[in-house]
PDB file of N, CA and C in Angstrom:
ATOM      1  N   MET A   1       2.630  22.261   5.275  1.00  0.00           N
ATOM      2  CA  MET A   1       1.641  21.793   6.224  1.00  0.00           C
ATOM      3  C   MET A   1       2.006  22.753   7.352  1.00  0.00           C
ATOM      4  N   ASP A   2       0.588  23.746   7.780  1.00  0.00           N
ATOM      5  CA  ASP A   2       0.903  24.435   8.903  1.00  0.00           C
ATOM      6  C   ASP A   2       1.325  23.712   9.875  1.00  0.00           C
ATOM      7  N   SER A   3       1.032  24.301  11.143  1.00  0.00           N
ATOM      8  CA  SER A   3       1.358  23.996  12.318  1.00  0.00           C
ATOM      9  C   SER A   3       0.008  23.081  13.180  1.00  0.00           C
ATOM     10  N   GLY A   4      -1.260  23.343  12.209  1.00  0.00           N
ATOM     11  CA  GLY A   4      -2.450  23.021  12.684  1.00  0.00           C
ATOM     12  C   GLY A   4      -3.103  21.611  12.256  1.00  0.00           C
ATOM     13  N   GLY A   5      -1.761  20.966  11.514  1.00  0.00           N
ATOM     14  CA  GLY A   5      -1.801  19.522  10.612  1.00  0.00           C
ATOM     15  C   GLY A   5      -3.130  19.531   9.644  1.00  0.00           C
ATOM     16  N   ILE A   6      -3.472  18.320   9.230  1.00  0.00           N
ATOM     17  CA  ILE A   6      -3.961  18.234   8.227  1.00  0.00           C
ATOM     18  C   ILE A   6      -5.180  16.971   8.358  1.00  0.00           C
ATOM     19  N   THR A   7      -6.576  16.890   7.853  1.00  0.00           N
ATOM     20  CA  THR A   7      -7.234  15.861   8.573  1.00  0.00           C
ATOM     21  C   THR A   7      -8.384  15.604   6.730  1.00  0.00           C
ATOM     22  N   ARG A   8      -8.334  14.649   6.326  1.00  0.00           N
ATOM     23  CA  ARG A   8      -8.744  14.393   5.205  1.00  0.00           C
ATOM     24  C   ARG A   8      -9.958  13.286   5.240  1.00  0.00           C
ATOM     25  N   ALA A   9     -11.348  13.301   4.744  1.00  0.00           N
ATOM     26  CA  ALA A   9     -12.112  12.510   4.817  1.00  0.00           C
ATOM     27  C   ALA A   9     -11.299  10.981   3.908  1.00  0.00           C
ATOM     28  N   SER A  10     -12.513  10.093   4.271  1.00  0.00           N
ATOM     29  CA  SER A  10     -12.102   8.726   3.548  1.00  0.00           C
ATOM     30  C   SER A  10     -12.098   8.801   2.170  1.00  0.00           C
ATOM     31  N   SER A  11     -12.753   9.461   1.142  1.00  0.00           N
ATOM     32  CA  SER A  11     -12.554   9.510   0.272  1.00  0.00           C
ATOM     33  C   SER A  11     -11.686  10.607  -0.368  1.00  0.00           C
ATOM     34  N   GLU A  12     -10.980  11.457   0.341  1.00  0.00           N
ATOM     35  CA  GLU A  12     -10.063  12.772   0.177  1.00  0.00           C
ATOM     36  C   GLU A  12      -8.735  12.437  -0.230  1.00  0.00           C
ATOM     37  N   GLY A  13      -8.260  13.196  -1.104  1.00  0.00           N
ATOM     38  CA  GLY A  13      -6.768  12.813  -1.428  1.00  0.00           C
ATOM     39  C   GLY A  13      -6.350  12.847  -2.633  1.00  0.00           C
ATOM     40  N   LEU A  14      -5.209  12.923  -3.087  1.00  0.00           N
ATOM     41  CA  LEU A  14      -4.909  12.871  -4.479  1.00  0.00           C
ATOM     42  C   LEU A  14      -4.890  11.447  -5.330  1.00  0.00           C
ATOM     43  N   ARG A  15      -6.135  11.312  -6.196  1.00  0.00           N
ATOM     44  CA  ARG A  15      -6.132  10.072  -6.958  1.00  0.00           C
ATOM     45  C   ARG A  15      -5.232   9.458  -7.858  1.00  0.00           C
ATOM     46  N   LEU A  16      -4.426   8.603  -8.012  1.00  0.00           N
ATOM     47  CA  LEU A  16      -3.548   8.082  -8.960  1.00  0.00           C
ATOM     48  C   LEU A  16      -3.802   6.803  -9.710  1.00  0.00           C
ATOM     49  N   ALA A  17      -3.568   6.522 -10.847  1.00  0.00           N
ATOM     50  CA  ALA A  17      -3.789   5.350 -11.318  1.00  0.00           C
ATOM     51  C   ALA A  17      -2.548   4.356 -11.070  1.00  0.00           C
ATOM     52  N   GLY A  18      -2.909   2.914 -10.757  1.00  0.00           N
ATOM     53  CA  GLY A  18      -1.603   2.231 -10.316  1.00  0.00           C
ATOM     54  C   GLY A  18      -1.497   0.997 -11.269  1.00  0.00           C
ATOM     55  N   PRO A  19      -0.706   0.330 -11.108  1.00  0.00           N
ATOM     56  CA  PRO A  19      -0.270  -0.740 -12.046  1.00  0.00           C
ATOM     57  C   PRO A  19      -1.452  -1.884 -12.177  1.00  0.00           C
ATOM     58  N   GLY A  20      -1.782  -2.935 -12.756  1.00  0.00           N
ATOM     59  CA  GLY A  20      -2.527  -4.091 -13.089  1.00  0.00           C
ATOM     60  C   GLY A  20      -3.727  -3.492 -12.500  1.00  0.00           C
ATOM     61  N   GLY A  21      -4.611  -2.260 -12.369  1.00  0.00           N
ATOM     62  CA  GLY A  21      -5.968  -1.875 -11.868  1.00  0.00           C
ATOM     63  C   GLY A  21      -6.125  -1.484 -10.979  1.00  0.00           C
ATOM     64  N   ARG A  22      -4.747  -1.615 -10.032  1.00  0.00           N
ATOM     65  CA  ARG A  22      -5.106  -0.708  -9.072  1.00  0.00           C
ATOM     66  C   ARG A  22      -5.403   0.450  -8.384  1.00  0.00           C
ATOM     67  N   SER A  23      -5.791   1.201  -7.966  1.00  0.00           N
ATOM     68  CA  SER A  23      -5.880   2.774  -7.880  1.00  0.00           C
ATOM     69  C   SER A  23      -5.286   3.171  -6.448  1.00  0.00           C
ATOM     70  N   ILE A  24      -4.536   4.328  -6.533  1.00  0.00           N
ATOM     71  CA  ILE A  24      -4.015   4.694  -5.117  1.00  0.00           C
ATOM     72  C   ILE A  24      -4.783   6.096  -4.726  1.00  0.00           C
ATOM     73  N   LEU A  25      -4.889   6.226  -3.681  1.00  0.00           N
ATOM     74  CA  LEU A  25      -5.487   7.580  -3.490  1.00  0.00           C
ATOM     75  C   LEU A  25      -4.168   8.006  -2.121  1.00  0.00           C
ATOM     76  N   LEU A  26      -3.741   8.958  -2.461  1.00  0.00           N
ATOM     77  CA  LEU A  26      -2.300   9.722  -1.651  1.00  0.00           C
ATOM     78  C   LEU A  26      -3.029  10.838  -0.831  1.00  0.00           C
ATOM     79  N   LYS A  27      -2.862   9.811   1.082  1.00  0.00           N
ATOM     80  CA  LYS A  27      -3.485  10.602   1.728  1.00  0.00           C
ATOM     81  C   LYS A  27      -2.535  11.858   2.144  1.00  0.00           C
ATOM     82  N   ALA A  28      -1.303  11.490   2.255  1.00  0.00           N
ATOM     83  CA  ALA A  28      -0.126  12.405   2.646  1.00  0.00           C
ATOM     84  C   ALA A  28       0.907  12.216   2.177  1.00  0.00           C
ATOM     85  N   GLY A  29       1.748  13.179   1.347  1.00  0.00           N
ATOM     86  CA  GLY A  29       2.671  13.180   0.509  1.00  0.00           C
ATOM     87  C   GLY A  29       3.810  13.645   1.584  1.00  0.00           C
ATOM     88  N   SER A  30       4.903  13.222   1.101  1.00  0.00           N
ATOM     89  CA  SER A  30       6.333  13.775   1.736  1.00  0.00           C
ATOM     90  C   SER A  30       6.590  14.813   1.810  1.00  0.00           C
ATOM     91  N   THR A  31       5.793  16.062   0.735  1.00  0.00           N
ATOM     92  CA  THR A  31       5.944  17.181   1.091  1.00  0.00           C
ATOM     93  C   THR A  31       5.029  17.799   2.773  1.00  0.00           C
ATOM     94  N   GLU A  32       4.219  16.933   2.559  1.00  0.00           N
ATOM     95  CA  GLU A  32       3.411  17.521   3.884  1.00  0.00           C
ATOM     96  C   GLU A  32       3.922  16.899   5.183  1.00  0.00           C
ATOM     97  N   THR A  33       4.819  15.899   4.906  1.00  0.00           N
ATOM     98  CA  THR A  33       5.309  15.269   6.482  1.00  0.00           C
ATOM     99  C   THR A  33       6.481  15.682   6.594  1.00  0.00           C
ATOM    100  N   GLN A  34       7.172  16.646   5.689  1.00  0.00           N
ATOM    101  CA  GLN A  34       8.621  17.093   5.949  1.00  0.00           C
ATOM    102  C   GLN A  34       9.457  15.702   5.589  1.00  0.00           C
ATOM    103  N   GLY A  35       9.118  15.007   4.654  1.00  0.00           N
ATOM    104  CA  GLY A  35      10.013  13.716   3.923  1.00  0.00           C
ATOM    105  C   GLY A  35       9.900  12.842   4.855  1.00  0.00           C
ATOM    106  N   ALA A  36       9.343  12.633   5.989  1.00  0.00           N
ATOM    107  CA  ALA A  36       9.320  11.684   6.820  1.00  0.00           C
ATOM    108  C   ALA A  36       8.678  10.174   6.100  1.00  0.00           C
ATOM    109  N   TYR A  37       7.374  10.659   5.449  1.00  0.00           N
ATOM    110  CA  TYR A  37       6.611   9.225   4.698  1.00  0.00           C
ATOM    111  C   TYR A  37       5.684   9.738   4.168  1.00  0.00           C
ATOM    112  N   SER A  38       5.232   9.085   3.408  1.00  0.00           N
ATOM    113  CA  SER A  38       3.981   9.279   2.284  1.00  0.00           C
ATOM    114  C   SER A  38       2.805   8.240   2.817  1.00  0.00           C
ATOM    115  N   LEU A  39       1.737   8.301   3.204  1.00  0.00           N
ATOM    116  CA  LEU A  39       0.607   7.708   3.233  1.00  0.00           C
ATOM    117  C   LEU A  39      -0.335   7.262   2.083  1.00  0.00           C
ATOM    118  N   LEU A  40      -0.380   6.142   1.748  1.00  0.00           N
ATOM    119  CA  LEU A  40      -1.345   5.371   0.582  1.00  0.00           C
ATOM    120  C   LEU A  40      -2.370   4.872   0.881  1.00  0.00           C
ATOM    121  N   LYS A  41      -3.623   4.645  -0.067  1.00  0.00           N
ATOM    122  CA  LYS A  41      -4.632   3.906   0.506  1.00  0.00           C
ATOM    123  C   LYS A  41      -4.605   3.362  -1.200  1.00  0.00           C
ATOM    124  N   LEU A  42      -4.413   2.026  -1.040  1.00  0.00           N
ATOM    125  CA  LEU A  42      -4.492   1.317  -2.486  1.00  0.00           C
ATOM    126  C   LEU A  42      -5.747   0.416  -2.509  1.00  0.00           C
ATOM    127  N   THR A  43      -6.289   0.244  -3.409  1.00  0.00           N
ATOM    128  CA  THR A  43      -7.423  -0.583  -3.957  1.00  0.00           C
ATOM    129  C   THR A  43      -7.222  -1.459  -5.039  1.00  0.00           C
ATOM    130  N   ALA A  44      -7.212  -2.737  -4.828  1.00  0.00           N
ATOM    131  CA  ALA A  44      -6.589  -3.922  -5.721  1.00  0.00           C
ATOM    132  C   ALA A  44      -8.047  -4.572  -6.466  1.00  0.00           C
ATOM    133  N   PRO A  45      -8.373  -4.920  -7.333  1.00  0.00           N
ATOM    134  CA  PRO A  45      -9.647  -5.361  -7.797  1.00  0.00           C
ATOM    135  C   PRO A  45      -8.952  -7.164  -7.989  1.00  0.00           C
ATOM    136  N   SER A  46      -9.942  -7.724  -7.687  1.00  0.00           N
ATOM    137  CA  SER A  46     -10.073  -9.367  -7.611  1.00  0.00           C
ATOM    138  C   SER A  46      -9.186  -9.484  -8.896  1.00  0.00           C
ATOM    139  N   GLY A  47      -8.242 -10.351  -9.185  1.00  0.00           N
ATOM    140  CA  GLY A  47      -7.500 -10.917 -10.289  1.00  0.00           C
ATOM    141  C   GLY A  47      -6.777 -10.043 -10.682  1.00  0.00           C
ATOM    142  N   SER A  48      -6.181  -8.789  -9.869  1.00  0.00           N
ATOM    143  CA  SER A  48      -5.074  -7.854 -10.186  1.00  0.00           C
ATOM    144  C   SER A  48      -4.039  -8.957 -10.208  1.00  0.00           C
ATOM    145  N   PRO A  49      -2.785  -8.582 -10.814  1.00  0.00           N
ATOM    146  CA  PRO A  49      -1.622  -9.370 -11.316  1.00  0.00           C
ATOM    147  C   PRO A  49      -0.708  -8.976  -9.820  1.00  0.00           C
ATOM    148  N   TRP A  50       0.085  -9.720  -9.472  1.00  0.00           N
ATOM    149  CA  TRP A  50       1.473  -9.263  -8.611  1.00  0.00           C
ATOM    150  C   TRP A  50       2.084  -8.050  -9.019  1.00  0.00           C
ATOM    151  N   SER A  51       2.241  -7.546  -7.997  1.00  0.00           N
ATOM    152  CA  SER A  51       2.962  -6.003  -8.380  1.00  0.00           C
ATOM    153  C   SER A  51       4.280  -6.550  -8.741  1.00  0.00           C
ATOM    154  N   THR A  52       5.414  -5.350  -9.190  1.00  0.00           N
ATOM    155  CA  THR A  52       6.320  -5.518  -9.320  1.00  0.00           C
ATOM    156  C   THR A  52       7.608  -6.077  -8.533  1.00  0.00           C
ATOM    157  N   HIS A  53       7.895  -7.118  -8.441  1.00  0.00           N
ATOM    158  CA  HIS A  53       9.095  -7.294  -7.359  1.00  0.00           C
ATOM    159  C   HIS A  53       9.745  -6.575  -7.280  1.00  0.00           C
ATOM    160  N   HIS A  54      10.320  -5.434  -6.661  1.00  0.00           N
ATOM    161  CA  HIS A  54      11.150  -4.267  -6.311  1.00  0.00           C
ATOM    162  C   HIS A  54      11.839  -4.361  -5.028  1.00  0.00           C
ATOM    163  N   THR A  55      13.094  -3.245  -4.899  1.00  0.00           N
ATOM    164  CA  THR A  55      13.894  -3.044  -4.044  1.00  0.00           C
ATOM    165  C   THR A  55      13.817  -1.403  -3.782  1.00  0.00           C
ATOM    166  N   HIS A  56      13.770  -1.423  -2.794  1.00  0.00           N
ATOM    167  CA  HIS A  56      14.352   0.499  -1.932  1.00  0.00           C
ATOM    168  C   HIS A  56      14.939   0.430  -1.054  1.00  0.00           C
ATOM    169  N   PRO A  57      15.380   1.799  -0.847  1.00  0.00           N
ATOM    170  CA  PRO A  57      16.031   1.583   0.274  1.00  0.00           C
ATOM    171  C   PRO A  57      15.297   2.206   1.557  1.00  0.00           C
ATOM    172  N   ALA A  58      14.013   2.521   1.100  1.00  0.00           N
ATOM    173  CA  ALA A  58      12.861   3.055   2.346  1.00  0.00           C
ATOM    174  C   ALA A  58      12.631   2.083   2.804  1.00  0.00           C
ATOM    175  N   THR A  59      12.070   1.859   4.122  1.00  0.00           N
ATOM    176  CA  THR A  59      11.300   0.703   4.796  1.00  0.00           C
ATOM    177  C   THR A  59       9.515   0.987   4.429  1.00  0.00           C
ATOM    178  N   GLU A  60       8.893  -0.090   3.926  1.00  0.00           N
ATOM    179  CA  GLU A  60       7.557   0.555   3.646  1.00  0.00           C
ATOM    180  C   GLU A  60       6.528  -0.568   4.632  1.00  0.00           C
ATOM    181  N   ALA A  61       5.461  -0.252   4.718  1.00  0.00           N
ATOM    182  CA  ALA A  61       4.825  -0.835   5.363  1.00  0.00           C
ATOM    183  C   ALA A  61       3.377  -0.823   4.940  1.00  0.00           C
ATOM    184  N   TRP A  62       2.419  -1.823   5.348  1.00  0.00           N
ATOM    185  CA  TRP A  62       1.220  -2.016   4.668  1.00  0.00           C
ATOM    186  C   TRP A  62       0.378  -2.538   5.767  1.00  0.00           C
ATOM    187  N   TYR A  63      -1.023  -2.178   5.878  1.00  0.00           N
ATOM    188  CA  TYR A  63      -2.302  -2.514   6.815  1.00  0.00           C
ATOM    189  C   TYR A  63      -3.521  -2.895   6.024  1.00  0.00           C
ATOM    190  N   VAL A  64      -3.651  -4.049   5.706  1.00  0.00           N
ATOM    191  CA  VAL A  64      -4.991  -4.748   5.091  1.00  0.00           C
ATOM    192  C   VAL A  64      -6.149  -4.106   5.572  1.00  0.00           C
ATOM    193  N   LEU A  65      -6.895  -3.318   5.109  1.00  0.00           N
ATOM    194  CA  LEU A  65      -8.094  -3.114   5.461  1.00  0.00           C
ATOM    195  C   LEU A  65      -9.494  -3.748   5.259  1.00  0.00           C
ATOM    196  N   ASP A  66      -9.454  -4.465   3.651  1.00  0.00           N
ATOM    197  CA  ASP A  66     -10.647  -5.512   3.337  1.00  0.00           C
ATOM    198  C   ASP A  66     -10.139  -6.521   2.655  1.00  0.00           C
ATOM    199  N   GLY A  67     -10.477  -7.457   2.380  1.00  0.00           N
ATOM    200  CA  GLY A  67     -10.033  -8.464   1.644  1.00  0.00           C
ATOM    201  C   GLY A  67      -8.682  -9.342   1.798  1.00  0.00           C
ATOM    202  N   GLU A  68      -7.886  -9.980   1.053  1.00  0.00           N
ATOM    203  CA  GLU A  68      -6.863 -10.482   1.200  1.00  0.00           C
ATOM    204  C   GLU A  68      -5.882 -10.546   0.254  1.00  0.00           C
ATOM    205  N   LEU A  69      -4.699 -10.372   0.547  1.00  0.00           N
ATOM    206  CA  LEU A  69      -3.750  -9.949   0.042  1.00  0.00           C
ATOM    207  C   LEU A  69      -2.325 -11.205  -0.034  1.00  0.00           C
ATOM    208  N   THR A  70      -1.662 -11.370  -0.558  1.00  0.00           N
ATOM    209  CA  THR A  70      -0.612 -12.269  -0.375  1.00  0.00           C
ATOM    210  C   THR A  70       0.680 -11.705  -1.203  1.00  0.00           C
ATOM    211  N   PHE A  71       1.665 -11.600   0.281  1.00  0.00           N
ATOM    212  CA  PHE A  71       3.050 -10.493  -0.003  1.00  0.00           C
ATOM    213  C   PHE A  71       4.237 -11.515  -0.318  1.00  0.00           C
ATOM    214  N   ARG A  72       5.013 -11.129  -1.046  1.00  0.00           N
ATOM    215  CA  ARG A  72       6.363 -12.088  -1.123  1.00  0.00           C
ATOM    216  C   ARG A  72       7.012 -10.933  -0.638  1.00  0.00           C
ATOM    217  N   LEU A  73       8.088 -11.347   0.581  1.00  0.00           N
ATOM    218  CA  LEU A  73       8.845 -10.897   1.160  1.00  0.00           C
ATOM    219  C   LEU A  73      10.273 -11.575   0.972  1.00  0.00           C
ATOM    220  N   GLY A  74      11.238 -11.141  -0.201  1.00  0.00           N
ATOM    221  CA  GLY A  74      12.282 -11.915  -0.608  1.00  0.00           C
ATOM    222  C   GLY A  74      12.054 -12.911  -0.783  1.00  0.00           C
ATOM    223  N   GLU A  75      12.451 -14.014  -0.435  1.00  0.00           N
ATOM    224  CA  GLU A  75      11.455 -15.380  -1.105  1.00  0.00           C
ATOM    225  C   GLU A  75      10.364 -15.975  -0.487  1.00  0.00           C
ATOM    226  N   ARG A  76      10.037 -15.143   0.764  1.00  0.00           N
ATOM    227  CA  ARG A  76       8.941 -15.756   1.383  1.00  0.00           C
ATOM    228  C   ARG A  76       7.387 -15.141   1.189  1.00  0.00           C
ATOM    229  N   ILE A  77       6.347 -16.183   0.721  1.00  0.00           N
ATOM    230  CA  ILE A  77       5.218 -15.985   0.564  1.00  0.00           C
ATOM    231  C   ILE A  77       4.568 -15.942   1.865  1.00  0.00           C
ATOM    232  N   LEU A  78       3.639 -15.009   2.251  1.00  0.00           N
ATOM    233  CA  LEU A  78       2.835 -14.721   3.132  1.00  0.00           C
ATOM    234  C   LEU A  78       1.269 -14.229   2.859  1.00  0.00           C
ATOM    235  N   PRO A  79       0.268 -15.032   3.853  1.00  0.00           N
ATOM    236  CA  PRO A  79      -0.740 -14.532   3.309  1.00  0.00           C
ATOM    237  C   PRO A  79      -1.157 -13.264   4.307  1.00  0.00           C
ATOM    238  N   ALA A  80      -1.916 -12.463   3.839  1.00  0.00           N
ATOM    239  CA  ALA A  80      -2.286 -11.328   4.751  1.00  0.00           C
ATOM    240  C   ALA A  80      -3.985 -11.093   4.398  1.00  0.00           C
ATOM    241  N   PRO A  81      -4.421 -11.597   5.219  1.00  0.00           N
ATOM    242  CA  PRO A  81      -6.319 -11.215   5.405  1.00  0.00           C
ATOM    243  C   PRO A  81      -6.633  -9.974   5.827  1.00  0.00           C
ATOM    244  N   ALA A  82      -7.394  -8.995   6.190  1.00  0.00           N
ATOM    245  CA  ALA A  82      -8.212  -8.363   6.267  1.00  0.00           C
ATOM    246  C   ALA A  82      -7.262  -7.884   8.159  1.00  0.00           C
ATOM    247  N   GLY A  83      -6.785  -6.759   8.527  1.00  0.00           N
ATOM    248  CA  GLY A  83      -6.650  -6.716   9.833  1.00  0.00           C
ATOM    249  C   GLY A  83      -4.776  -6.973   9.593  1.00  0.00           C
ATOM    250  N   SER A  84      -4.383  -7.690   8.851  1.00  0.00           N
ATOM    251  CA  SER A  84      -2.835  -7.894   8.774  1.00  0.00           C
ATOM    252  C   SER A  84      -2.300  -6.745   8.840  1.00  0.00           C
ATOM    253  N   PHE A  85      -0.734  -7.066   9.050  1.00  0.00           N
ATOM    254  CA  PHE A  85       0.230  -5.917   9.412  1.00  0.00           C
ATOM    255  C   PHE A  85       1.341  -6.457   8.560  1.00  0.00           C
ATOM    256  N   VAL A  86       2.084  -5.593   7.603  1.00  0.00           N
ATOM    257  CA  VAL A  86       2.964  -6.181   6.779  1.00  0.00           C
ATOM    258  C   VAL A  86       4.327  -5.470   6.860  1.00  0.00           C
ATOM    259  N   LEU A  87       5.441  -5.758   7.036  1.00  0.00           N
ATOM    260  CA  LEU A  87       6.938  -4.522   7.112  1.00  0.00           C
ATOM    261  C   LEU A  87       7.644  -5.224   6.074  1.00  0.00           C
ATOM    262  N   ALA A  88       8.256  -4.101   5.358  1.00  0.00           N
ATOM    263  CA  ALA A  88       9.273  -4.867   4.397  1.00  0.00           C
ATOM    264  C   ALA A  88      10.691  -4.133   4.636  1.00  0.00           C
ATOM    265  N   PRO A  89      11.718  -4.035   5.773  1.00  0.00           N
ATOM    266  CA  PRO A  89      12.621  -3.063   5.819  1.00  0.00           C
ATOM    267  C   PRO A  89      13.494  -2.900   4.579  1.00  0.00           C
ATOM    268  N   GLY A  90      14.020  -1.607   4.568  1.00  0.00           N
ATOM    269  CA  GLY A  90      14.884  -1.297   3.601  1.00  0.00           C
ATOM    270  C   GLY A  90      15.506  -2.254   2.960  1.00  0.00           C
ATOM    271  N   GLY A  91      15.636  -2.581   1.689  1.00  0.00           N
ATOM    272  CA  GLY A  91      16.476  -2.981   0.575  1.00  0.00           C
ATOM    273  C   GLY A  91      15.708  -4.685   0.676  1.00  0.00           C
ATOM    274  N   THR A  92      14.777  -4.930   1.040  1.00  0.00           N
ATOM    275  CA  THR A  92      13.874  -6.125   1.017  1.00  0.00           C
ATOM    276  C   THR A  92      12.968  -6.037  -0.239  1.00  0.00           C
ATOM    277  N   PRO A  93      13.494  -7.198  -1.191  1.00  0.00           N
ATOM    278  CA  PRO A  93      12.385  -7.240  -2.487  1.00  0.00           C
ATOM    279  C   PRO A  93      10.950  -7.651  -1.905  1.00  0.00           C
ATOM    280  N   HIS A  94      10.270  -6.959  -2.414  1.00  0.00           N
ATOM    281  CA  HIS A  94       8.606  -7.248  -2.202  1.00  0.00           C
ATOM    282  C   HIS A  94       7.895  -6.770  -3.133  1.00  0.00           C
ATOM    283  N   SER A  95       6.800  -7.555  -3.023  1.00  0.00           N
ATOM    284  CA  SER A  95       5.676  -7.469  -3.913  1.00  0.00           C
ATOM    285  C   SER A  95       4.494  -8.269  -3.289  1.00  0.00           C
ATOM    286  N   GLN A  96       3.146  -7.914  -3.740  1.00  0.00           N
ATOM    287  CA  GLN A  96       1.645  -8.386  -3.404  1.00  0.00           C
ATOM    288  C   GLN A  96       0.848  -8.705  -4.446  1.00  0.00           C
ATOM    289  N   VAL A  97      -0.291  -9.409  -4.198  1.00  0.00           N
ATOM    290  CA  VAL A  97      -1.196  -9.621  -5.179  1.00  0.00           C
ATOM    291  C   VAL A  97      -2.567  -9.800  -4.511  1.00  0.00           C
ATOM    292  N   ASN A  98      -3.498  -9.533  -4.850  1.00  0.00           N
ATOM    293  CA  ASN A  98      -4.943  -9.568  -4.612  1.00  0.00           C
ATOM    294  C   ASN A  98      -5.245 -11.318  -4.152  1.00  0.00           C
ATOM    295  N   SER A  99      -5.262 -11.826  -3.344  1.00  0.00           N
ATOM    296  CA  SER A  99      -5.314 -13.252  -3.886  1.00  0.00           C
ATOM    297  C   SER A  99      -6.769 -13.750  -3.242  1.00  0.00           C
ATOM    298  N   GLY A 100      -7.829 -12.439  -3.037  1.00  0.00           N
ATOM    299  CA  GLY A 100      -8.751 -13.156  -2.475  1.00  0.00           C
ATOM    300  C   GLY A 100      -9.985 -12.766  -3.397  1.00  0.00           C
ATOM    301  N   PRO A 101     -11.432 -13.217  -3.213  1.00  0.00           N
ATOM    302  CA  PRO A 101     -12.205 -13.193  -4.357  1.00  0.00           C
ATOM    303  C   PRO A 101     -12.991 -12.001  -4.423  1.00  0.00           C
ATOM    304  N   GLY A 102     -12.623 -10.957  -3.815  1.00  0.00           N
ATOM    305  CA  GLY A 102     -13.360  -9.831  -3.888  1.00  0.00           C
ATOM    306  C   GLY A 102     -12.063  -8.537  -3.994  1.00  0.00           C
ATOM    307  N   THR A 103     -12.373  -7.437  -3.858  1.00  0.00           N
ATOM    308  CA  THR A 103     -11.710  -6.045  -4.071  1.00  0.00           C
ATOM    309  C   THR A 103     -10.942  -6.179  -2.307  1.00  0.00           C
ATOM    310  N   ALA A 104      -9.483  -5.533  -2.495  1.00  0.00           N
ATOM    311  CA  ALA A 104      -8.758  -5.546  -1.475  1.00  0.00           C
ATOM    312  C   ALA A 104      -8.623  -3.909  -1.329  1.00  0.00           C
ATOM    313  N   GLU A 105      -8.259  -3.554  -0.048  1.00  0.00           N
ATOM    314  CA  GLU A 105      -7.976  -2.252   0.310  1.00  0.00           C
ATOM    315  C   GLU A 105      -6.851  -2.304   1.326  1.00  0.00           C
ATOM    316  N   TYR A 106      -6.004  -1.626   1.181  1.00  0.00           N
ATOM    317  CA  TYR A 106      -4.449  -1.465   2.239  1.00  0.00           C
ATOM    318  C   TYR A 106      -3.953  -0.324   1.495  1.00  0.00           C
TER     319      TYR A 106
END
């Protein structure tokens, strides 16, 4: 990344296939942020299954743009409608599911 930064339109980024019918749009990868973070936009269709309940050292955060998700952080189950912010500190087992009737974006 040069000192001028980057800008990407809503539909721009690297498209990847995710598990359970999810799609992933990589907006900024770790190489573009000097290893600080990656930024993704995920789309989960209605009826997509729970993601794998997993743990890793990095802190992970989500902002629900549209729809409704349910998160599992450790043993807690938390609803996350549009506008919700969810943070899983490094080492916290986490997973999510689209619990709404339509597509969820986060």
